[in-house]
């Protein structure tokens, strides 16, 4: 949800899954992609999020709780993410 706007379809379920994967207070590893800029067009940091050997974005994609971020040039993990 964004401000007063309600969550989009499956938004609450995606938020719940994220909370299960990386509960508040979890120590994460944030990694930049060498082929990408530091931020996306909305000013958000572009980082891979890993926790205890788990690629969080990959798991969210597998579960249908995220969409692939398309970019040019492609991200280093795009092939794996597309397969998910």
PDB file of N, CA and C in Angstrom:
ATOM      1  N   UNK A   1       0.843  -1.181   0.000  1.00  0.00           N
ATOM      2  CA  UNK A   1       0.000   0.000   0.000  1.00  0.00           C
ATOM      3  C   UNK A   1       0.884   1.239   0.000  1.00  0.00           C
ATOM      4  N   UNK A   2       0.381   2.281  -0.598  1.00  0.00           N
ATOM      5  CA  UNK A   2       1.126   3.537  -0.675  1.00  0.00           C
ATOM      6  C   UNK A   2       0.309   4.634  -0.018  1.00  0.00           C
ATOM      7  N   UNK A   3       0.723   5.038   1.173  1.00  0.00           N
ATOM      8  CA  UNK A   3      -0.021   6.080   1.873  1.00  0.00           C
ATOM      9  C   UNK A   3      -1.432   5.630   2.186  1.00  0.00           C
ATOM     10  N   UNK A   4      -2.401   6.411   1.731  1.00  0.00           N
ATOM     11  CA  UNK A   4      -3.803   6.102   1.994  1.00  0.00           C
ATOM     12  C   UNK A   4      -4.374   5.094   1.001  1.00  0.00           C
ATOM     13  N   UNK A   5      -3.617   4.770  -0.042  1.00  0.00           N
ATOM     14  CA  UNK A   5      -4.092   3.816  -1.051  1.00  0.00           C
ATOM     15  C   UNK A   5      -4.115   2.397  -0.496  1.00  0.00           C
ATOM     16  N   UNK A   6      -5.142   1.625  -0.828  1.00  0.00           N
ATOM     17  CA  UNK A   6      -5.161   0.231  -0.376  1.00  0.00           C
ATOM     18  C   UNK A   6      -4.108  -0.590  -1.123  1.00  0.00           C
ATOM     19  N   UNK A   7      -3.728  -1.712  -0.556  1.00  0.00           N
ATOM     20  CA  UNK A   7      -2.772  -2.609  -1.196  1.00  0.00           C
ATOM     21  C   UNK A   7      -3.368  -3.143  -2.489  1.00  0.00           C
ATOM     22  N   UNK A   8      -2.506  -3.392  -3.469  1.00  0.00           N
ATOM     23  CA  UNK A   8      -2.957  -3.995  -4.720  1.00  0.00           C
ATOM     24  C   UNK A   8      -3.239  -5.477  -4.482  1.00  0.00           C
ATOM     25  N   UNK A   9      -3.839  -6.109  -5.473  1.00  0.00           N
ATOM     26  CA  UNK A   9      -4.149  -7.532  -5.401  1.00  0.00           C
ATOM     27  C   UNK A   9      -2.894  -8.311  -5.019  1.00  0.00           C
ATOM     28  N   UNK A  10      -2.976  -9.151  -4.036  1.00  0.00           N
ATOM     29  CA  UNK A  10      -1.913 -10.004  -3.511  1.00  0.00           C
ATOM     30  C   UNK A  10      -0.867  -9.229  -2.713  1.00  0.00           C
ATOM     31  N   UNK A  11      -1.042  -7.921  -2.585  1.00  0.00           N
ATOM     32  CA  UNK A  11      -0.077  -7.099  -1.858  1.00  0.00           C
ATOM     33  C   UNK A  11       0.091  -7.505  -0.410  1.00  0.00           C
ATOM     34  N   UNK A  12      -1.016  -7.750   0.279  1.00  0.00           N
ATOM     35  CA  UNK A  12      -0.927  -8.136   1.689  1.00  0.00           C
ATOM     36  C   UNK A  12      -0.252  -9.498   1.846  1.00  0.00           C
ATOM     37  N   UNK A  13      -0.561 -10.439   0.953  1.00  0.00           N
ATOM     38  CA  UNK A  13       0.059 -11.765   1.007  1.00  0.00           C
ATOM     39  C   UNK A  13       1.558 -11.667   0.725  1.00  0.00           C
ATOM     40  N   UNK A  14       1.953 -10.805  -0.223  1.00  0.00           N
ATOM     41  CA  UNK A  14       3.370 -10.612  -0.531  1.00  0.00           C
ATOM     42  C   UNK A  14       4.094 -10.002   0.661  1.00  0.00           C
ATOM     43  N   UNK A  15       3.451  -9.062   1.331  1.00  0.00           N
ATOM     44  CA  UNK A  15       4.039  -8.454   2.525  1.00  0.00           C
ATOM     45  C   UNK A  15       4.213  -9.490   3.619  1.00  0.00           C
ATOM     46  N   UNK A  16       3.229 -10.353   3.799  1.00  0.00           N
ATOM     47  CA  UNK A  16       3.311 -11.408   4.808  1.00  0.00           C
ATOM     48  C   UNK A  16       4.460 -12.377   4.501  1.00  0.00           C
ATOM     49  N   UNK A  17       4.611 -12.750   3.223  1.00  0.00           N
ATOM     50  CA  UNK A  17       5.691 -13.646   2.833  1.00  0.00           C
ATOM     51  C   UNK A  17       7.047 -13.000   3.107  1.00  0.00           C
ATOM     52  N   UNK A  18       7.177 -11.729   2.777  1.00  0.00           N
ATOM     53  CA  UNK A  18       8.428 -11.026   3.030  1.00  0.00           C
ATOM     54  C   UNK A  18       8.743 -11.018   4.524  1.00  0.00           C
ATOM     55  N   UNK A  19       7.734 -10.804   5.357  1.00  0.00           N
ATOM     56  CA  UNK A  19       7.938 -10.799   6.806  1.00  0.00           C
ATOM     57  C   UNK A  19       8.373 -12.175   7.311  1.00  0.00           C
ATOM     58  N   UNK A  20       7.901 -13.243   6.671  1.00  0.00           N
ATOM     59  CA  UNK A  20       8.325 -14.593   7.045  1.00  0.00           C
ATOM     60  C   UNK A  20       9.770 -14.840   6.643  1.00  0.00           C
ATOM     61  N   UNK A  21      10.140 -14.380   5.444  1.00  0.00           N
ATOM     62  CA  UNK A  21      11.489 -14.615   4.925  1.00  0.00           C
ATOM     63  C   UNK A  21      12.543 -13.798   5.668  1.00  0.00           C
ATOM     64  N   UNK A  22      12.210 -12.566   5.969  1.00  0.00           N
ATOM     65  CA  UNK A  22      13.163 -11.663   6.631  1.00  0.00           C
ATOM     66  C   UNK A  22      12.424 -10.869   7.705  1.00  0.00           C
ATOM     67  N   UNK A  23      12.209 -11.490   8.864  1.00  0.00           N
ATOM     68  CA  UNK A  23      11.501 -10.801   9.946  1.00  0.00           C
ATOM     69  C   UNK A  23      12.225  -9.523  10.367  1.00  0.00           C
ATOM     70  N   UNK A  24      11.502  -8.610  10.951  1.00  0.00           N
ATOM     71  CA  UNK A  24      12.095  -7.364  11.445  1.00  0.00           C
ATOM     72  C   UNK A  24      13.296  -7.689  12.321  1.00  0.00           C
ATOM     73  N   UNK A  25      14.380  -6.962  12.114  1.00  0.00           N
ATOM     74  CA  UNK A  25      15.599  -7.171  12.877  1.00  0.00           C
ATOM     75  C   UNK A  25      16.574  -8.146  12.243  1.00  0.00           C
ATOM     76  N   UNK A  26      16.181  -8.778  11.141  1.00  0.00           N
ATOM     77  CA  UNK A  26      17.040  -9.721  10.446  1.00  0.00           C
ATOM     78  C   UNK A  26      18.248  -9.006   9.853  1.00  0.00           C
ATOM     79  N   UNK A  27      19.408  -9.624   9.971  1.00  0.00           N
ATOM     80  CA  UNK A  27      20.613  -9.079   9.342  1.00  0.00           C
ATOM     81  C   UNK A  27      20.664  -9.583   7.905  1.00  0.00           C
ATOM     82  N   UNK A  28      20.764  -8.646   6.969  1.00  0.00           N
ATOM     83  CA  UNK A  28      20.747  -8.958   5.542  1.00  0.00           C
ATOM     84  C   UNK A  28      22.067  -8.562   4.899  1.00  0.00           C
ATOM     85  N   UNK A  29      22.314  -9.140   3.739  1.00  0.00           N
ATOM     86  CA  UNK A  29      23.421  -8.704   2.905  1.00  0.00           C
ATOM     87  C   UNK A  29      22.823  -8.022   1.687  1.00  0.00           C
ATOM     88  N   UNK A  30      23.203  -6.773   1.463  1.00  0.00           N
ATOM     89  CA  UNK A  30      22.750  -6.014   0.297  1.00  0.00           C
ATOM     90  C   UNK A  30      23.915  -5.911  -0.671  1.00  0.00           C
ATOM     91  N   UNK A  31      23.670  -6.313  -1.926  1.00  0.00           N
ATOM     92  CA  UNK A  31      24.724  -6.351  -2.923  1.00  0.00           C
ATOM     93  C   UNK A  31      24.302  -5.561  -4.152  1.00  0.00           C
ATOM     94  N   UNK A  32      25.197  -4.741  -4.650  1.00  0.00           N
ATOM     95  CA  UNK A  32      24.910  -4.000  -5.878  1.00  0.00           C
ATOM     96  C   UNK A  32      25.127  -4.894  -7.084  1.00  0.00           C
ATOM     97  N   UNK A  33      24.500  -4.532  -8.186  1.00  0.00           N
ATOM     98  CA  UNK A  33      24.698  -5.215  -9.457  1.00  0.00           C
ATOM     99  C   UNK A  33      25.689  -4.375 -10.255  1.00  0.00           C
ATOM    100  N   UNK A  34      26.803  -4.963 -10.676  1.00  0.00           N
ATOM    101  CA  UNK A  34      27.835  -4.173 -11.352  1.00  0.00           C
ATOM    102  C   UNK A  34      27.379  -3.530 -12.655  1.00  0.00           C
ATOM    103  N   UNK A  35      26.337  -4.058 -13.276  1.00  0.00           N
ATOM    104  CA  UNK A  35      25.864  -3.514 -14.542  1.00  0.00           C
ATOM    105  C   UNK A  35      24.741  -2.508 -14.411  1.00  0.00           C
ATOM    106  N   UNK A  36      24.327  -2.215 -13.174  1.00  0.00           N
ATOM    107  CA  UNK A  36      23.188  -1.327 -12.951  1.00  0.00           C
ATOM    108  C   UNK A  36      23.625  -0.051 -12.242  1.00  0.00           C
ATOM    109  N   UNK A  37      22.800   0.956 -12.363  1.00  0.00           N
ATOM    110  CA  UNK A  37      23.015   2.173 -11.597  1.00  0.00           C
ATOM    111  C   UNK A  37      22.698   1.921 -10.135  1.00  0.00           C
ATOM    112  N   UNK A  38      22.868   2.943  -9.342  1.00  0.00           N
ATOM    113  CA  UNK A  38      22.635   2.821  -7.913  1.00  0.00           C
ATOM    114  C   UNK A  38      21.150   2.832  -7.566  1.00  0.00           C
ATOM    115  N   UNK A  39      20.339   3.526  -8.383  1.00  0.00           N
ATOM    116  CA  UNK A  39      18.902   3.681  -8.097  1.00  0.00           C
ATOM    117  C   UNK A  39      18.077   3.472  -9.358  1.00  0.00           C
ATOM    118  N   UNK A  40      16.790   3.118  -9.152  1.00  0.00           N
ATOM    119  CA  UNK A  40      15.880   2.991 -10.290  1.00  0.00           C
ATOM    120  C   UNK A  40      15.264   4.349 -10.605  1.00  0.00           C
ATOM    121  N   UNK A  41      14.332   4.380 -11.558  1.00  0.00           N
ATOM    122  CA  UNK A  41      13.749   5.655 -11.989  1.00  0.00           C
ATOM    123  C   UNK A  41      12.903   6.315 -10.903  1.00  0.00           C
ATOM    124  N   UNK A  42      12.555   5.561  -9.846  1.00  0.00           N
ATOM    125  CA  UNK A  42      11.767   6.106  -8.744  1.00  0.00           C
ATOM    126  C   UNK A  42      12.655   6.517  -7.561  1.00  0.00           C
ATOM    127  N   UNK A  43      13.970   6.397  -7.719  1.00  0.00           N
ATOM    128  CA  UNK A  43      14.888   6.774  -6.658  1.00  0.00           C
ATOM    129  C   UNK A  43      15.148   5.679  -5.641  1.00  0.00           C
ATOM    130  N   UNK A  44      14.615   4.465  -5.879  1.00  0.00           N
ATOM    131  CA  UNK A  44      14.827   3.365  -4.940  1.00  0.00           C
ATOM    132  C   UNK A  44      16.199   2.735  -5.176  1.00  0.00           C
ATOM    133  N   UNK A  45      16.872   2.356  -4.081  1.00  0.00           N
ATOM    134  CA  UNK A  45      18.151   1.662  -4.212  1.00  0.00           C
ATOM    135  C   UNK A  45      17.958   0.328  -4.916  1.00  0.00           C
ATOM    136  N   UNK A  46      18.858   0.024  -5.827  1.00  0.00           N
ATOM    137  CA  UNK A  46      18.837  -1.271  -6.513  1.00  0.00           C
ATOM    138  C   UNK A  46      19.862  -2.176  -5.838  1.00  0.00           C
ATOM    139  N   UNK A  47      19.363  -3.175  -5.135  1.00  0.00           N
ATOM    140  CA  UNK A  47      20.231  -4.091  -4.407  1.00  0.00           C
ATOM    141  C   UNK A  47      19.651  -5.499  -4.459  1.00  0.00           C
ATOM    142  N   UNK A  48      20.541  -6.481  -4.473  1.00  0.00           N
ATOM    143  CA  UNK A  48      20.134  -7.851  -4.222  1.00  0.00           C
ATOM    144  C   UNK A  48      20.069  -7.993  -2.706  1.00  0.00           C
ATOM    145  N   UNK A  49      19.076  -8.724  -2.226  1.00  0.00           N
ATOM    146  CA  UNK A  49      18.904  -8.934  -0.789  1.00  0.00           C
ATOM    147  C   UNK A  49      19.076 -10.423  -0.518  1.00  0.00           C
ATOM    148  N   UNK A  50      20.090 -10.737   0.273  1.00  0.00           N
ATOM    149  CA  UNK A  50      20.376 -12.128   0.621  1.00  0.00           C
ATOM    150  C   UNK A  50      20.341 -12.283   2.137  1.00  0.00           C
ATOM    151  N   UNK A  51      19.880 -13.458   2.576  1.00  0.00           N
ATOM    152  CA  UNK A  51      19.808 -13.756   4.006  1.00  0.00           C
ATOM    153  C   UNK A  51      20.069 -15.245   4.207  1.00  0.00           C
ATOM    154  N   UNK A  52      21.104 -15.575   4.951  1.00  0.00           N
ATOM    155  CA  UNK A  52      21.441 -16.979   5.244  1.00  0.00           C
ATOM    156  C   UNK A  52      21.481 -17.838   3.984  1.00  0.00           C
ATOM    157  N   UNK A  53      22.103 -17.342   2.924  1.00  0.00           N
ATOM    158  CA  UNK A  53      22.220 -18.096   1.675  1.00  0.00           C
ATOM    159  C   UNK A  53      20.977 -18.062   0.803  1.00  0.00           C
ATOM    160  N   UNK A  54      19.955 -17.346   1.213  1.00  0.00           N
ATOM    161  CA  UNK A  54      18.708 -17.247   0.451  1.00  0.00           C
ATOM    162  C   UNK A  54      18.684 -15.938  -0.319  1.00  0.00           C
ATOM    163  N   UNK A  55      18.465 -16.020  -1.620  1.00  0.00           N
ATOM    164  CA  UNK A  55      18.233 -14.843  -2.453  1.00  0.00           C
ATOM    165  C   UNK A  55      16.746 -14.513  -2.287  1.00  0.00           C
ATOM    166  N   UNK A  56      16.463 -13.470  -1.549  1.00  0.00           N
ATOM    167  CA  UNK A  56      15.087 -13.142  -1.178  1.00  0.00           C
ATOM    168  C   UNK A  56      14.232 -12.861  -2.413  1.00  0.00           C
ATOM    169  N   UNK A  57      14.744 -12.118  -3.368  1.00  0.00           N
ATOM    170  CA  UNK A  57      13.974 -11.811  -4.580  1.00  0.00           C
ATOM    171  C   UNK A  57      13.641 -13.090  -5.353  1.00  0.00           C
ATOM    172  N   UNK A  58      14.589 -14.000  -5.418  1.00  0.00           N
ATOM    173  CA  UNK A  58      14.349 -15.267  -6.127  1.00  0.00           C
ATOM    174  C   UNK A  58      13.182 -16.010  -5.490  1.00  0.00           C
ATOM    175  N   UNK A  59      13.168 -16.065  -4.165  1.00  0.00           N
ATOM    176  CA  UNK A  59      12.078 -16.756  -3.468  1.00  0.00           C
ATOM    177  C   UNK A  59      10.739 -16.050  -3.699  1.00  0.00           C
ATOM    178  N   UNK A  60      10.735 -14.716  -3.650  1.00  0.00           N
ATOM    179  CA  UNK A  60       9.498 -13.970  -3.900  1.00  0.00           C
ATOM    180  C   UNK A  60       8.990 -14.221  -5.313  1.00  0.00           C
ATOM    181  N   UNK A  61       9.895 -14.268  -6.280  1.00  0.00           N
ATOM    182  CA  UNK A  61       9.505 -14.556  -7.663  1.00  0.00           C
ATOM    183  C   UNK A  61       8.943 -15.967  -7.788  1.00  0.00           C
ATOM    184  N   UNK A  62       9.590 -16.942  -7.150  1.00  0.00           N
ATOM    185  CA  UNK A  62       9.105 -18.333  -7.175  1.00  0.00           C
ATOM    186  C   UNK A  62       7.683 -18.442  -6.648  1.00  0.00           C
ATOM    187  N   UNK A  63       7.377 -17.665  -5.623  1.00  0.00           N
ATOM    188  CA  UNK A  63       6.071 -17.729  -4.963  1.00  0.00           C
ATOM    189  C   UNK A  63       5.022 -16.847  -5.634  1.00  0.00           C
ATOM    190  N   UNK A  64       5.420 -16.117  -6.679  1.00  0.00           N
ATOM    191  CA  UNK A  64       4.476 -15.231  -7.353  1.00  0.00           C
ATOM    192  C   UNK A  64       4.209 -13.951  -6.597  1.00  0.00           C
ATOM    193  N   UNK A  65       5.093 -13.621  -5.654  1.00  0.00           N
ATOM    194  CA  UNK A  65       4.896 -12.449  -4.806  1.00  0.00           C
ATOM    195  C   UNK A  65       5.679 -11.236  -5.298  1.00  0.00           C
ATOM    196  N   UNK A  66       6.311 -11.353  -6.453  1.00  0.00           N
ATOM    197  CA  UNK A  66       7.081 -10.246  -7.020  1.00  0.00           C
ATOM    198  C   UNK A  66       7.076 -10.362  -8.536  1.00  0.00           C
ATOM    199  N   UNK A  67       7.429  -9.266  -9.173  1.00  0.00           N
ATOM    200  CA  UNK A  67       7.588  -9.244 -10.631  1.00  0.00           C
ATOM    201  C   UNK A  67       9.046  -8.963 -10.951  1.00  0.00           C
ATOM    202  N   UNK A  68       9.508  -9.531 -12.043  1.00  0.00           N
ATOM    203  CA  UNK A  68      10.880  -9.325 -12.483  1.00  0.00           C
ATOM    204  C   UNK A  68      11.097  -7.873 -12.878  1.00  0.00           C
ATOM    205  N   UNK A  69      12.177  -7.296 -12.400  1.00  0.00           N
ATOM    206  CA  UNK A  69      12.561  -5.931 -12.759  1.00  0.00           C
ATOM    207  C   UNK A  69      13.344  -6.014 -14.060  1.00  0.00           C
ATOM    208  N   UNK A  70      12.757  -5.544 -15.147  1.00  0.00           N
ATOM    209  CA  UNK A  70      13.427  -5.556 -16.440  1.00  0.00           C
ATOM    210  C   UNK A  70      14.299  -4.323 -16.569  1.00  0.00           C
ATOM    211  N   UNK A  71      15.502  -4.527 -17.051  1.00  0.00           N
ATOM    212  CA  UNK A  71      16.416  -3.412 -17.222  1.00  0.00           C
ATOM    213  C   UNK A  71      17.341  -3.663 -18.403  1.00  0.00           C
ATOM    214  N   UNK A  72      17.890  -2.602 -18.906  1.00  0.00           N
ATOM    215  CA  UNK A  72      18.915  -2.666 -19.948  1.00  0.00           C
ATOM    216  C   UNK A  72      20.116  -1.917 -19.442  1.00  0.00           C
ATOM    217  N   UNK A  73      21.240  -2.528 -19.337  1.00  0.00           N
ATOM    218  CA  UNK A  73      21.479  -3.949 -19.594  1.00  0.00           C
ATOM    219  C   UNK A  73      20.818  -4.811 -18.525  1.00  0.00           C
ATOM    220  N   UNK A  74      20.692  -6.089 -18.842  1.00  0.00           N
ATOM    221  CA  UNK A  74      20.051  -7.009 -17.899  1.00  0.00           C
ATOM    222  C   UNK A  74      20.882  -7.134 -16.625  1.00  0.00           C
ATOM    223  N   UNK A  75      20.204  -7.390 -15.527  1.00  0.00           N
ATOM    224  CA  UNK A  75      20.882  -7.614 -14.248  1.00  0.00           C
ATOM    225  C   UNK A  75      21.643  -8.936 -14.294  1.00  0.00           C
ATOM    226  N   UNK A  76      22.637  -9.070 -13.461  1.00  0.00           N
ATOM    227  CA  UNK A  76      23.453 -10.282 -13.414  1.00  0.00           C
ATOM    228  C   UNK A  76      22.614 -11.521 -13.077  1.00  0.00           C
ATOM    229  N   UNK A  77      21.575 -11.371 -12.287  1.00  0.00           N
ATOM    230  CA  UNK A  77      20.760 -12.515 -11.855  1.00  0.00           C
ATOM    231  C   UNK A  77      19.483 -12.691 -12.687  1.00  0.00           C
ATOM    232  N   UNK A  78      19.350 -11.963 -13.778  1.00  0.00           N
ATOM    233  CA  UNK A  78      18.115 -12.014 -14.575  1.00  0.00           C
ATOM    234  C   UNK A  78      17.774 -13.409 -15.037  1.00  0.00           C
ATOM    235  N   UNK A  79      18.749 -14.166 -15.525  1.00  0.00           N
ATOM    236  CA  UNK A  79      18.481 -15.526 -16.025  1.00  0.00           C
ATOM    237  C   UNK A  79      17.847 -16.388 -14.932  1.00  0.00           C
ATOM    238  N   UNK A  80      18.436 -16.373 -13.737  1.00  0.00           N
ATOM    239  CA  UNK A  80      17.896 -17.155 -12.636  1.00  0.00           C
ATOM    240  C   UNK A  80      16.524 -16.657 -12.208  1.00  0.00           C
ATOM    241  N   UNK A  81      16.358 -15.344 -12.200  1.00  0.00           N
ATOM    242  CA  UNK A  81      15.085 -14.767 -11.799  1.00  0.00           C
ATOM    243  C   UNK A  81      13.993 -15.115 -12.807  1.00  0.00           C
ATOM    244  N   UNK A  82      14.325 -15.065 -14.083  1.00  0.00           N
ATOM    245  CA  UNK A  82      13.332 -15.392 -15.108  1.00  0.00           C
ATOM    246  C   UNK A  82      12.895 -16.857 -14.981  1.00  0.00           C
ATOM    247  N   UNK A  83      13.840 -17.739 -14.658  1.00  0.00           N
ATOM    248  CA  UNK A  83      13.528 -19.158 -14.483  1.00  0.00           C
ATOM    249  C   UNK A  83      12.609 -19.389 -13.286  1.00  0.00           C
ATOM    250  N   UNK A  84      12.738 -18.522 -12.275  1.00  0.00           N
ATOM    251  CA  UNK A  84      11.908 -18.672 -11.075  1.00  0.00           C
ATOM    252  C   UNK A  84      10.458 -18.401 -11.411  1.00  0.00           C
TER     253      UNK A  84
END
